[in-house]
Amino acid sequence: MTQYFPIVVEQESNGTFSAWVAGLPGVYAAADTAAAARRGIRGALAAHLDALRALGRKPRLKAEVSVLRRDVYATRRDSWRFVGVGALLGRGTSRAKAEASRSNGRKGGRPCIARAIPVN
């Protein structure tokens, strides 16, 4: 069975990139570019899953995952809104809504890229 783990890649204020697996504490990577951070988090996740398999355990996400983002574009005032990761990935919503969520998440501030990495 294929499992999907939500990955967050975020640009820091100094220009470097951080990546982590939402819901799996301690699975983290950092790099100078977003592509390198994505490669690093794939390796960190693979190592984490290999360690769990060696112990005879299965991975469990610690929390239901939502994305919190600042939404000032639609309302013209500061507010916080939870956005389901499914919307960013295009699951459980229309294609138009998924594309709007992806583009809105990239405007201003620190860009956030949410991806799911399939693991067999």
PDB file of N, CA and C in Angstrom:
ATOM      1  N   MET A   1       0.838  -1.175   0.000  1.00  0.00           N
ATOM      2  CA  MET A   1       0.000   0.000   0.000  1.00  0.00           C
ATOM      3  C   MET A   1       0.890   1.248   0.000  1.00  0.00           C
ATOM      4  N   THR A   2       0.512   2.217  -0.777  1.00  0.00           N
ATOM      5  CA  THR A   2       1.251   3.479  -0.851  1.00  0.00           C
ATOM      6  C   THR A   2       0.747   4.430   0.221  1.00  0.00           C
ATOM      7  N   GLN A   3       1.684   5.039   0.943  1.00  0.00           N
ATOM      8  CA  GLN A   3       1.345   6.059   1.931  1.00  0.00           C
ATOM      9  C   GLN A   3       1.857   7.392   1.410  1.00  0.00           C
ATOM     10  N   TYR A   4       1.138   8.453   1.739  1.00  0.00           N
ATOM     11  CA  TYR A   4       1.547   9.797   1.344  1.00  0.00           C
ATOM     12  C   TYR A   4       1.849  10.611   2.589  1.00  0.00           C
ATOM     13  N   PHE A   5       2.983  11.299   2.567  1.00  0.00           N
ATOM     14  CA  PHE A   5       3.391  12.143   3.679  1.00  0.00           C
ATOM     15  C   PHE A   5       3.466  13.586   3.183  1.00  0.00           C
ATOM     16  N   PRO A   6       2.766  14.500   3.836  1.00  0.00           N
ATOM     17  CA  PRO A   6       2.816  15.906   3.411  1.00  0.00           C
ATOM     18  C   PRO A   6       4.167  16.532   3.750  1.00  0.00           C
ATOM     19  N   ILE A   7       4.781  17.135   2.752  1.00  0.00           N
ATOM     20  CA  ILE A   7       6.093  17.761   2.896  1.00  0.00           C
ATOM     21  C   ILE A   7       5.920  19.272   2.778  1.00  0.00           C
ATOM     22  N   VAL A   8       6.557  20.005   3.665  1.00  0.00           N
ATOM     23  CA  VAL A   8       6.532  21.465   3.609  1.00  0.00           C
ATOM     24  C   VAL A   8       7.946  21.948   3.319  1.00  0.00           C
ATOM     25  N   VAL A   9       8.084  22.773   2.282  1.00  0.00           N
ATOM     26  CA  VAL A   9       9.358  23.411   1.952  1.00  0.00           C
ATOM     27  C   VAL A   9       9.126  24.909   2.062  1.00  0.00           C
ATOM     28  N   GLU A  10       9.953  25.565   2.854  1.00  0.00           N
ATOM     29  CA  GLU A  10       9.729  26.980   3.152  1.00  0.00           C
ATOM     30  C   GLU A  10      11.031  27.757   2.997  1.00  0.00           C
ATOM     31  N   GLN A  11      10.951  28.932   2.390  1.00  0.00           N
ATOM     32  CA  GLN A  11      12.128  29.783   2.278  1.00  0.00           C
ATOM     33  C   GLN A  11      12.262  30.618   3.543  1.00  0.00           C
ATOM     34  N   GLU A  12      13.448  30.581   4.131  1.00  0.00           N
ATOM     35  CA  GLU A  12      13.725  31.340   5.347  1.00  0.00           C
ATOM     36  C   GLU A  12      14.093  32.783   4.994  1.00  0.00           C
ATOM     37  N   SER A  13      14.131  33.639   5.997  1.00  0.00           N
ATOM     38  CA  SER A  13      14.421  35.061   5.768  1.00  0.00           C
ATOM     39  C   SER A  13      15.831  35.295   5.223  1.00  0.00           C
ATOM     40  N   ASN A  14      16.758  34.360   5.479  1.00  0.00           N
ATOM     41  CA  ASN A  14      18.125  34.513   4.970  1.00  0.00           C
ATOM     42  C   ASN A  14      18.307  33.916   3.572  1.00  0.00           C
ATOM     43  N   GLY A  15      17.209  33.423   2.967  1.00  0.00           N
ATOM     44  CA  GLY A  15      17.272  32.897   1.607  1.00  0.00           C
ATOM     45  C   GLY A  15      17.460  31.397   1.507  1.00  0.00           C
ATOM     46  N   THR A  16      17.793  30.732   2.613  1.00  0.00           N
ATOM     47  CA  THR A  16      17.930  29.279   2.582  1.00  0.00           C
ATOM     48  C   THR A  16      16.546  28.634   2.665  1.00  0.00           C
ATOM     49  N   PHE A  17      16.493  27.326   2.486  1.00  0.00           N
ATOM     50  CA  PHE A  17      15.224  26.609   2.495  1.00  0.00           C
ATOM     51  C   PHE A  17      15.226  25.530   3.568  1.00  0.00           C
ATOM     52  N   SER A  18      14.099  25.392   4.250  1.00  0.00           N
ATOM     53  CA  SER A  18      13.887  24.337   5.232  1.00  0.00           C
ATOM     54  C   SER A  18      12.787  23.430   4.711  1.00  0.00           C
ATOM     55  N   ALA A  19      12.883  22.154   5.036  1.00  0.00           N
ATOM     56  CA  ALA A  19      11.846  21.197   4.644  1.00  0.00           C
ATOM     57  C   ALA A  19      11.607  20.250   5.804  1.00  0.00           C
ATOM     58  N   TRP A  20      10.351  19.883   5.995  1.00  0.00           N
ATOM     59  CA  TRP A  20      10.023  18.903   7.026  1.00  0.00           C
ATOM     60  C   TRP A  20       8.785  18.135   6.625  1.00  0.00           C
ATOM     61  N   VAL A  21       8.603  16.997   7.289  1.00  0.00           N
ATOM     62  CA  VAL A  21       7.417  16.178   7.062  1.00  0.00           C
ATOM     63  C   VAL A  21       6.419  16.548   8.142  1.00  0.00           C
ATOM     64  N   ALA A  22       5.295  17.123   7.724  1.00  0.00           N
ATOM     65  CA  ALA A  22       4.267  17.522   8.687  1.00  0.00           C
ATOM     66  C   ALA A  22       3.716  16.281   9.377  1.00  0.00           C
ATOM     67  N   GLY A  23       3.728  16.285  10.698  1.00  0.00           N
ATOM     68  CA  GLY A  23       3.192  15.170  11.464  1.00  0.00           C
ATOM     69  C   GLY A  23       4.216  14.121  11.849  1.00  0.00           C
ATOM     70  N   LEU A  24       5.454  14.217  11.359  1.00  0.00           N
ATOM     71  CA  LEU A  24       6.523  13.301  11.759  1.00  0.00           C
ATOM     72  C   LEU A  24       7.647  14.126  12.386  1.00  0.00           C
ATOM     73  N   PRO A  25       7.619  14.311  13.694  1.00  0.00           N
ATOM     74  CA  PRO A  25       8.621  15.150  14.361  1.00  0.00           C
ATOM     75  C   PRO A  25      10.048  14.656  14.108  1.00  0.00           C
ATOM     76  N   GLY A  26      10.947  15.584  13.865  1.00  0.00           N
ATOM     77  CA  GLY A  26      12.356  15.258  13.711  1.00  0.00           C
ATOM     78  C   GLY A  26      12.793  14.932  12.297  1.00  0.00           C
ATOM     79  N   VAL A  27      11.866  14.801  11.366  1.00  0.00           N
ATOM     80  CA  VAL A  27      12.234  14.538   9.973  1.00  0.00           C
ATOM     81  C   VAL A  27      12.348  15.900   9.295  1.00  0.00           C
ATOM     82  N   TYR A  28      13.596  16.342   9.062  1.00  0.00           N
ATOM     83  CA  TYR A  28      13.874  17.725   8.700  1.00  0.00           C
ATOM     84  C   TYR A  28      15.074  17.784   7.757  1.00  0.00           C
ATOM     85  N   ALA A  29      15.096  18.768   6.879  1.00  0.00           N
ATOM     86  CA  ALA A  29      16.253  19.020   6.014  1.00  0.00           C
ATOM     87  C   ALA A  29      16.355  20.519   5.767  1.00  0.00           C
ATOM     88  N   ALA A  30      17.567  20.987   5.481  1.00  0.00           N
ATOM     89  CA  ALA A  30      17.790  22.399   5.153  1.00  0.00           C
ATOM     90  C   ALA A  30      18.828  22.461   4.040  1.00  0.00           C
ATOM     91  N   ALA A  31      18.694  23.460   3.162  1.00  0.00           N
ATOM     92  CA  ALA A  31      19.622  23.588   2.036  1.00  0.00           C
ATOM     93  C   ALA A  31      19.588  25.010   1.492  1.00  0.00           C
ATOM     94  N   ASP A  32      20.500  25.283   0.563  1.00  0.00           N
ATOM     95  CA  ASP A  32      20.571  26.606  -0.063  1.00  0.00           C
ATOM     96  C   ASP A  32      19.511  26.819  -1.135  1.00  0.00           C
ATOM     97  N   THR A  33      18.983  25.731  -1.723  1.00  0.00           N
ATOM     98  CA  THR A  33      17.962  25.846  -2.765  1.00  0.00           C
ATOM     99  C   THR A  33      16.759  24.976  -2.411  1.00  0.00           C
ATOM    100  N   ALA A  34      15.606  25.301  -2.998  1.00  0.00           N
ATOM    101  CA  ALA A  34      14.394  24.504  -2.762  1.00  0.00           C
ATOM    102  C   ALA A  34      14.576  23.088  -3.289  1.00  0.00           C
ATOM    103  N   ALA A  35      15.218  22.943  -4.441  1.00  0.00           N
ATOM    104  CA  ALA A  35      15.429  21.612  -5.019  1.00  0.00           C
ATOM    105  C   ALA A  35      16.304  20.755  -4.107  1.00  0.00           C
ATOM    106  N   ALA A  36      17.354  21.352  -3.560  1.00  0.00           N
ATOM    107  CA  ALA A  36      18.231  20.607  -2.654  1.00  0.00           C
ATOM    108  C   ALA A  36      17.504  20.252  -1.359  1.00  0.00           C
ATOM    109  N   ALA A  37      16.650  21.143  -0.874  1.00  0.00           N
ATOM    110  CA  ALA A  37      15.863  20.844   0.332  1.00  0.00           C
ATOM    111  C   ALA A  37      14.896  19.695   0.066  1.00  0.00           C
ATOM    112  N   ARG A  38      14.280  19.669  -1.121  1.00  0.00           N
ATOM    113  CA  ARG A  38      13.378  18.562  -1.469  1.00  0.00           C
ATOM    114  C   ARG A  38      14.143  17.243  -1.539  1.00  0.00           C
ATOM    115  N   ARG A  39      15.337  17.260  -2.140  1.00  0.00           N
ATOM    116  CA  ARG A  39      16.151  16.036  -2.181  1.00  0.00           C
ATOM    117  C   ARG A  39      16.529  15.605  -0.770  1.00  0.00           C
ATOM    118  N   GLY A  40      16.907  16.579   0.060  1.00  0.00           N
ATOM    119  CA  GLY A  40      17.296  16.261   1.433  1.00  0.00           C
ATOM    120  C   GLY A  40      16.164  15.670   2.251  1.00  0.00           C
ATOM    121  N   ILE A  41      14.956  16.207   2.101  1.00  0.00           N
ATOM    122  CA  ILE A  41      13.836  15.701   2.896  1.00  0.00           C
ATOM    123  C   ILE A  41      13.433  14.312   2.428  1.00  0.00           C
ATOM    124  N   ARG A  42      13.572  14.040   1.130  1.00  0.00           N
ATOM    125  CA  ARG A  42      13.306  12.678   0.648  1.00  0.00           C
ATOM    126  C   ARG A  42      14.261  11.689   1.316  1.00  0.00           C
ATOM    127  N   GLY A  43      15.538  12.064   1.396  1.00  0.00           N
ATOM    128  CA  GLY A  43      16.521  11.200   2.049  1.00  0.00           C
ATOM    129  C   GLY A  43      16.248  11.034   3.531  1.00  0.00           C
ATOM    130  N   ALA A  44      15.880  12.130   4.197  1.00  0.00           N
ATOM    131  CA  ALA A  44      15.577  12.065   5.632  1.00  0.00           C
ATOM    132  C   ALA A  44      14.350  11.192   5.889  1.00  0.00           C
ATOM    133  N   LEU A  45      13.323  11.323   5.047  1.00  0.00           N
ATOM    134  CA  LEU A  45      12.120  10.506   5.203  1.00  0.00           C
ATOM    135  C   LEU A  45      12.438   9.038   4.949  1.00  0.00           C
ATOM    136  N   ALA A  46      13.224   8.757   3.907  1.00  0.00           N
ATOM    137  CA  ALA A  46      13.601   7.370   3.612  1.00  0.00           C
ATOM    138  C   ALA A  46      14.375   6.755   4.776  1.00  0.00           C
ATOM    139  N   ALA A  47      15.319   7.508   5.359  1.00  0.00           N
ATOM    140  CA  ALA A  47      16.091   7.007   6.501  1.00  0.00           C
ATOM    141  C   ALA A  47      15.187   6.759   7.707  1.00  0.00           C
ATOM    142  N   HIS A  48      14.245   7.654   7.941  1.00  0.00           N
ATOM    143  CA  HIS A  48      13.304   7.503   9.055  1.00  0.00           C
ATOM    144  C   HIS A  48      12.461   6.242   8.870  1.00  0.00           C
ATOM    145  N   LEU A  49      11.937   6.048   7.656  1.00  0.00           N
ATOM    146  CA  LEU A  49      11.107   4.871   7.389  1.00  0.00           C
ATOM    147  C   LEU A  49      11.917   3.584   7.476  1.00  0.00           C
ATOM    148  N   ASP A  50      13.172   3.602   7.002  1.00  0.00           N
ATOM    149  CA  ASP A  50      14.043   2.428   7.120  1.00  0.00           C
ATOM    150  C   ASP A  50      14.293   2.075   8.580  1.00  0.00           C
ATOM    151  N   ALA A  51      14.528   3.089   9.415  1.00  0.00           N
ATOM    152  CA  ALA A  51      14.749   2.848  10.847  1.00  0.00           C
ATOM    153  C   ALA A  51      13.504   2.246  11.497  1.00  0.00           C
ATOM    154  N   LEU A  52      12.338   2.755  11.142  1.00  0.00           N
ATOM    155  CA  LEU A  52      11.099   2.196  11.687  1.00  0.00           C
ATOM    156  C   LEU A  52      10.913   0.746  11.257  1.00  0.00           C
ATOM    157  N   ARG A  53      11.183   0.452   9.982  1.00  0.00           N
ATOM    158  CA  ARG A  53      11.062  -0.934   9.490  1.00  0.00           C
ATOM    159  C   ARG A  53      12.015  -1.853  10.240  1.00  0.00           C
ATOM    160  N   ALA A  54      13.250  -1.388  10.484  1.00  0.00           N
ATOM    161  CA  ALA A  54      14.234  -2.196  11.211  1.00  0.00           C
ATOM    162  C   ALA A  54      13.758  -2.515  12.626  1.00  0.00           C
ATOM    163  N   LEU A  55      12.979  -1.614  13.205  1.00  0.00           N
ATOM    164  CA  LEU A  55      12.430  -1.826  14.549  1.00  0.00           C
ATOM    165  C   LEU A  55      11.099  -2.574  14.515  1.00  0.00           C
ATOM    166  N   GLY A  56      10.616  -2.879  13.311  1.00  0.00           N
ATOM    167  CA  GLY A  56       9.338  -3.570  13.178  1.00  0.00           C
ATOM    168  C   GLY A  56       8.136  -2.688  13.454  1.00  0.00           C
ATOM    169  N   ARG A  57       8.301  -1.385  13.282  1.00  0.00           N
ATOM    170  CA  ARG A  57       7.207  -0.441  13.542  1.00  0.00           C
ATOM    171  C   ARG A  57       6.735   0.191  12.247  1.00  0.00           C
ATOM    172  N   LYS A  58       5.501   0.693  12.268  1.00  0.00           N
ATOM    173  CA  LYS A  58       4.935   1.385  11.117  1.00  0.00           C
ATOM    174  C   LYS A  58       4.870   2.883  11.410  1.00  0.00           C
ATOM    175  N   PRO A  59       5.082   3.703  10.386  1.00  0.00           N
ATOM    176  CA  PRO A  59       5.000   5.156  10.611  1.00  0.00           C
ATOM    177  C   PRO A  59       3.568   5.588  10.869  1.00  0.00           C
ATOM    178  N   ARG A  60       3.412   6.506  11.806  1.00  0.00           N
ATOM    179  CA  ARG A  60       2.102   7.094  12.091  1.00  0.00           C
ATOM    180  C   ARG A  60       2.264   8.596  12.158  1.00  0.00           C
ATOM    181  N   LEU A  61       1.434   9.293  11.420  1.00  0.00           N
ATOM    182  CA  LEU A  61       1.458  10.748  11.512  1.00  0.00           C
ATOM    183  C   LEU A  61       0.930  11.144  12.875  1.00  0.00           C
ATOM    184  N   LYS A  62       1.580  12.088  13.518  1.00  0.00           N
ATOM    185  CA  LYS A  62       1.214  12.503  14.872  1.00  0.00           C
ATOM    186  C   LYS A  62      -0.004  13.407  14.919  1.00  0.00           C
ATOM    187  N   ALA A  63      -0.354  14.009  13.801  1.00  0.00           N
ATOM    188  CA  ALA A  63      -1.459  14.968  13.827  1.00  0.00           C
ATOM    189  C   ALA A  63      -2.143  15.023  12.473  1.00  0.00           C
ATOM    190  N   GLU A  64      -3.400  15.431  12.506  1.00  0.00           N
ATOM    191  CA  GLU A  64      -4.076  15.739  11.249  1.00  0.00           C
ATOM    192  C   GLU A  64      -3.433  17.014  10.722  1.00  0.00           C
ATOM    193  N   VAL A  65      -3.166  17.060   9.445  1.00  0.00           N
ATOM    194  CA  VAL A  65      -2.370  18.145   8.893  1.00  0.00           C
ATOM    195  C   VAL A  65      -3.244  19.194   8.222  1.00  0.00           C
ATOM    196  N   SER A  66      -3.021  20.444   8.587  1.00  0.00           N
ATOM    197  CA  SER A  66      -3.614  21.597   7.922  1.00  0.00           C
ATOM    198  C   SER A  66      -2.503  22.604   7.695  1.00  0.00           C
ATOM    199  N   VAL A  67      -2.705  23.486   6.771  1.00  0.00           N
ATOM    200  CA  VAL A  67      -1.720  24.534   6.511  1.00  0.00           C
ATOM    201  C   VAL A  67      -2.300  25.842   7.010  1.00  0.00           C
ATOM    202  N   LEU A  68      -1.551  26.534   7.854  1.00  0.00           N
ATOM    203  CA  LEU A  68      -1.978  27.834   8.363  1.00  0.00           C
ATOM    204  C   LEU A  68      -1.259  28.893   7.539  1.00  0.00           C
ATOM    205  N   ARG A  69      -2.022  29.791   6.975  1.00  0.00           N
ATOM    206  CA  ARG A  69      -1.392  30.847   6.182  1.00  0.00           C
ATOM    207  C   ARG A  69      -2.065  32.169   6.483  1.00  0.00           C
ATOM    208  N   ARG A  70      -1.337  33.214   6.268  1.00  0.00           N
ATOM    209  CA  ARG A  70      -1.894  34.546   6.460  1.00  0.00           C
ATOM    210  C   ARG A  70      -2.660  34.924   5.204  1.00  0.00           C
ATOM    211  N   ASP A  71      -3.882  35.322   5.369  1.00  0.00           N
ATOM    212  CA  ASP A  71      -4.737  35.617   4.222  1.00  0.00           C
ATOM    213  C   ASP A  71      -5.108  37.095   4.246  1.00  0.00           C
ATOM    214  N   VAL A  72      -4.354  37.904   3.516  1.00  0.00           N
ATOM    215  CA  VAL A  72      -4.660  39.333   3.467  1.00  0.00           C
ATOM    216  C   VAL A  72      -5.131  39.756   2.084  1.00  0.00           C
ATOM    217  N   TYR A  73      -5.053  38.866   1.132  1.00  0.00           N
ATOM    218  CA  TYR A  73      -5.378  39.229  -0.245  1.00  0.00           C
ATOM    219  C   TYR A  73      -6.879  39.268  -0.489  1.00  0.00           C
ATOM    220  N   ALA A  74      -7.615  38.342   0.114  1.00  0.00           N
ATOM    221  CA  ALA A  74      -9.052  38.265  -0.138  1.00  0.00           C
ATOM    222  C   ALA A  74      -9.825  39.275   0.706  1.00  0.00           C
ATOM    223  N   THR A  75      -9.344  39.574   1.916  1.00  0.00           N
ATOM    224  CA  THR A  75     -10.124  40.387   2.846  1.00  0.00           C
ATOM    225  C   THR A  75      -9.571  41.790   3.065  1.00  0.00           C
ATOM    226  N   ARG A  76      -8.336  42.042   2.648  1.00  0.00           N
ATOM    227  CA  ARG A  76      -7.675  43.339   2.841  1.00  0.00           C
ATOM    228  C   ARG A  76      -7.417  43.677   4.312  1.00  0.00           C
ATOM    229  N   ARG A  77      -7.531  42.711   5.174  1.00  0.00           N
ATOM    230  CA  ARG A  77      -7.159  42.915   6.581  1.00  0.00           C
ATOM    231  C   ARG A  77      -6.530  41.619   7.077  1.00  0.00           C
ATOM    232  N   ASP A  78      -5.786  41.706   8.141  1.00  0.00           N
ATOM    233  CA  ASP A  78      -5.087  40.527   8.634  1.00  0.00           C
ATOM    234  C   ASP A  78      -6.069  39.510   9.192  1.00  0.00           C
ATOM    235  N   SER A  79      -5.875  38.283   8.798  1.00  0.00           N
ATOM    236  CA  SER A  79      -6.646  37.178   9.363  1.00  0.00           C
ATOM    237  C   SER A  79      -5.838  35.906   9.163  1.00  0.00           C
ATOM    238  N   TRP A  80      -6.174  34.884   9.903  1.00  0.00           N
ATOM    239  CA  TRP A  80      -5.513  33.592   9.767  1.00  0.00           C
ATOM    240  C   TRP A  80      -6.559  32.576   9.381  1.00  0.00           C
ATOM    241  N   ARG A  81      -6.182  31.682   8.524  1.00  0.00           N
ATOM    242  CA  ARG A  81      -7.126  30.684   8.029  1.00  0.00           C
ATOM    243  C   ARG A  81      -6.411  29.341   7.894  1.00  0.00           C
ATOM    244  N   PHE A  82      -7.087  28.254   8.287  1.00  0.00           N
ATOM    245  CA  PHE A  82      -6.546  26.924   8.056  1.00  0.00           C
ATOM    246  C   PHE A  82      -6.945  26.470   6.663  1.00  0.00           C
ATOM    247  N   VAL A  83      -5.982  25.980   5.923  1.00  0.00           N
ATOM    248  CA  VAL A  83      -6.231  25.479   4.578  1.00  0.00           C
ATOM    249  C   VAL A  83      -5.808  24.023   4.563  1.00  0.00           C
ATOM    250  N   GLY A  84      -6.705  23.129   4.200  1.00  0.00           N
ATOM    251  CA  GLY A  84      -6.367  21.709   4.141  1.00  0.00           C
ATOM    252  C   GLY A  84      -5.283  21.447   3.111  1.00  0.00           C
ATOM    253  N   VAL A  85      -4.396  20.539   3.431  1.00  0.00           N
ATOM    254  CA  VAL A  85      -3.332  20.180   2.503  1.00  0.00           C
ATOM    255  C   VAL A  85      -3.927  19.624   1.213  1.00  0.00           C
ATOM    256  N   GLY A  86      -5.080  18.969   1.306  1.00  0.00           N
ATOM    257  CA  GLY A  86      -5.733  18.434   0.117  1.00  0.00           C
ATOM    258  C   GLY A  86      -5.972  19.497  -0.935  1.00  0.00           C
ATOM    259  N   ALA A  87      -6.303  20.703  -0.499  1.00  0.00           N
ATOM    260  CA  ALA A  87      -6.532  21.795  -1.453  1.00  0.00           C
ATOM    261  C   ALA A  87      -5.245  22.151  -2.182  1.00  0.00           C
ATOM    262  N   LEU A  88      -4.128  22.150  -1.471  1.00  0.00           N
ATOM    263  CA  LEU A  88      -2.853  22.469  -2.101  1.00  0.00           C
ATOM    264  C   LEU A  88      -2.402  21.364  -3.042  1.00  0.00           C
ATOM    265  N   LEU A  89      -2.795  20.122  -2.739  1.00  0.00           N
ATOM    266  CA  LEU A  89      -2.402  18.986  -3.564  1.00  0.00           C
ATOM    267  C   LEU A  89      -3.407  18.695  -4.663  1.00  0.00           C
ATOM    268  N   GLY A  90      -4.566  19.342  -4.617  1.00  0.00           N
ATOM    269  CA  GLY A  90      -5.571  19.115  -5.636  1.00  0.00           C
ATOM    270  C   GLY A  90      -6.466  17.930  -5.343  1.00  0.00           C
ATOM    271  N   ARG A  91      -6.525  17.494  -4.087  1.00  0.00           N
ATOM    272  CA  ARG A  91      -7.361  16.352  -3.720  1.00  0.00           C
ATOM    273  C   ARG A  91      -8.619  16.854  -3.027  1.00  0.00           C
ATOM    274  N   GLY A  92      -9.742  16.260  -3.347  1.00  0.00           N
ATOM    275  CA  GLY A  92     -10.985  16.577  -2.665  1.00  0.00           C
ATOM    276  C   GLY A  92     -11.537  17.955  -2.980  1.00  0.00           C
ATOM    277  N   THR A  93     -11.129  18.525  -4.079  1.00  0.00           N
ATOM    278  CA  THR A  93     -11.625  19.840  -4.460  1.00  0.00           C
ATOM    279  C   THR A  93     -11.550  19.961  -5.981  1.00  0.00           C
ATOM    280  N   SER A  94     -12.166  20.962  -6.518  1.00  0.00           N
ATOM    281  CA  SER A  94     -12.122  21.135  -7.970  1.00  0.00           C
ATOM    282  C   SER A  94     -10.729  21.582  -8.398  1.00  0.00           C
ATOM    283  N   ARG A  95     -10.423  21.357  -9.656  1.00  0.00           N
ATOM    284  CA  ARG A  95      -9.131  21.765 -10.194  1.00  0.00           C
ATOM    285  C   ARG A  95      -8.919  23.273 -10.067  1.00  0.00           C
ATOM    286  N   ALA A  96      -9.972  24.045 -10.311  1.00  0.00           N
ATOM    287  CA  ALA A  96      -9.870  25.509 -10.226  1.00  0.00           C
ATOM    288  C   ALA A  96      -9.561  25.951  -8.798  1.00  0.00           C
ATOM    289  N   LYS A  97     -10.228  25.326  -7.805  1.00  0.00           N
ATOM    290  CA  LYS A  97      -9.962  25.681  -6.407  1.00  0.00           C
ATOM    291  C   LYS A  97      -8.548  25.276  -6.006  1.00  0.00           C
ATOM    292  N   ALA A  98      -8.096  24.114  -6.469  1.00  0.00           N
ATOM    293  CA  ALA A  98      -6.741  23.669  -6.138  1.00  0.00           C
ATOM    294  C   ALA A  98      -5.710  24.636  -6.708  1.00  0.00           C
ATOM    295  N   GLU A  99      -5.911  25.068  -7.947  1.00  0.00           N
ATOM    296  CA  GLU A  99      -4.976  26.010  -8.561  1.00  0.00           C
ATOM    297  C   GLU A  99      -5.002  27.354  -7.836  1.00  0.00           C
ATOM    298  N   ALA A 100      -6.182  27.807  -7.436  1.00  0.00           N
ATOM    299  CA  ALA A 100      -6.288  29.063  -6.689  1.00  0.00           C
ATOM    300  C   ALA A 100      -5.564  28.950  -5.352  1.00  0.00           C
ATOM    301  N   SER A 101      -5.710  27.824  -4.668  1.00  0.00           N
ATOM    302  CA  SER A 101      -5.028  27.625  -3.387  1.00  0.00           C
ATOM    303  C   SER A 101      -3.527  27.647  -3.569  1.00  0.00           C
ATOM    304  N   ARG A 102      -3.049  26.976  -4.620  1.00  0.00           N
ATOM    305  CA  ARG A 102      -1.604  26.959  -4.864  1.00  0.00           C
ATOM    306  C   ARG A 102      -1.089  28.356  -5.169  1.00  0.00           C
ATOM    307  N   SER A 103      -1.783  29.104  -6.016  1.00  0.00           N
ATOM    308  CA  SER A 103      -1.281  30.430  -6.370  1.00  0.00           C
ATOM    309  C   SER A 103      -1.405  31.396  -5.200  1.00  0.00           C
ATOM    310  N   ASN A 104      -2.480  31.321  -4.422  1.00  0.00           N
ATOM    311  CA  ASN A 104      -2.636  32.206  -3.262  1.00  0.00           C
ATOM    312  C   ASN A 104      -1.585  31.923  -2.206  1.00  0.00           C
ATOM    313  N   GLY A 105      -1.206  30.675  -2.040  1.00  0.00           N
ATOM    314  CA  GLY A 105      -0.196  30.316  -1.055  1.00  0.00           C
ATOM    315  C   GLY A 105       1.180  30.821  -1.415  1.00  0.00           C
ATOM    316  N   ARG A 106       1.394  31.190  -2.667  1.00  0.00           N
ATOM    317  CA  ARG A 106       2.712  31.632  -3.109  1.00  0.00           C
ATOM    318  C   ARG A 106       2.860  33.143  -3.145  1.00  0.00           C
ATOM    319  N   LYS A 107       1.795  33.896  -2.875  1.00  0.00           N
ATOM    320  CA  LYS A 107       1.871  35.358  -2.973  1.00  0.00           C
ATOM    321  C   LYS A 107       2.416  35.958  -1.681  1.00  0.00           C
ATOM    322  N   GLY A 108       3.457  36.733  -1.794  1.00  0.00           N
ATOM    323  CA  GLY A 108       3.989  37.481  -0.659  1.00  0.00           C
ATOM    324  C   GLY A 108       4.563  36.610   0.436  1.00  0.00           C
ATOM    325  N   GLY A 109       5.261  37.222   1.360  1.00  0.00           N
ATOM    326  CA  GLY A 109       5.798  36.513   2.514  1.00  0.00           C
ATOM    327  C   GLY A 109       6.744  35.398   2.112  1.00  0.00           C
ATOM    328  N   ARG A 110       6.788  34.390   2.951  1.00  0.00           N
ATOM    329  CA  ARG A 110       7.656  33.259   2.681  1.00  0.00           C
ATOM    330  C   ARG A 110       6.869  32.221   1.887  1.00  0.00           C
ATOM    331  N   PRO A 111       7.333  31.825   0.707  1.00  0.00           N
ATOM    332  CA  PRO A 111       6.581  30.867  -0.085  1.00  0.00           C
ATOM    333  C   PRO A 111       6.559  29.500   0.582  1.00  0.00           C
ATOM    334  N   CYS A 112       5.439  28.852   0.496  1.00  0.00           N
ATOM    335  CA  CYS A 112       5.275  27.536   1.100  1.00  0.00           C
ATOM    336  C   CYS A 112       4.887  26.556   0.003  1.00  0.00           C
ATOM    337  N   ILE A 113       5.622  25.469  -0.110  1.00  0.00           N
ATOM    338  CA  ILE A 113       5.332  24.456  -1.116  1.00  0.00           C
ATOM    339  C   ILE A 113       4.966  23.184  -0.368  1.00  0.00           C
ATOM    340  N   ALA A 114       3.733  22.744  -0.481  1.00  0.00           N
ATOM    341  CA  ALA A 114       3.319  21.496   0.170  1.00  0.00           C
ATOM    342  C   ALA A 114       3.259  20.413  -0.884  1.00  0.00           C
ATOM    343  N   ARG A 115       3.909  19.315  -0.633  1.00  0.00           N
ATOM    344  CA  ARG A 115       3.915  18.191  -1.559  1.00  0.00           C
ATOM    345  C   ARG A 115       3.694  16.912  -0.775  1.00  0.00           C
ATOM    346  N   ALA A 116       3.166  15.923  -1.431  1.00  0.00           N
ATOM    347  CA  ALA A 116       3.055  14.598  -0.829  1.00  0.00           C
ATOM    348  C   ALA A 116       4.015  13.687  -1.569  1.00  0.00           C
ATOM    349  N   ILE A 117       4.819  12.956  -0.819  1.00  0.00           N
ATOM    350  CA  ILE A 117       5.767  12.038  -1.427  1.00  0.00           C
ATOM    351  C   ILE A 117       5.236  10.626  -1.230  1.00  0.00           C
ATOM    352  N   PRO A 118       4.981   9.886  -2.328  1.00  0.00           N
ATOM    353  CA  PRO A 118       4.497   8.521  -2.171  1.00  0.00           C
ATOM    354  C   PRO A 118       5.620   7.621  -1.671  1.00  0.00           C
ATOM    355  N   VAL A 119       5.309   6.746  -0.741  1.00  0.00           N
ATOM    356  CA  VAL A 119       6.269   5.789  -0.206  1.00  0.00           C
ATOM    357  C   VAL A 119       5.628   4.418  -0.295  1.00  0.00           C
ATOM    358  N   ASN A 120       6.285   3.484  -0.950  1.00  0.00           N
ATOM    359  CA  ASN A 120       5.730   2.127  -1.078  1.00  0.00           C
ATOM    360  C   ASN A 120       6.106   1.268   0.097  1.00  0.00           C
TER     361      ASN A 120
END
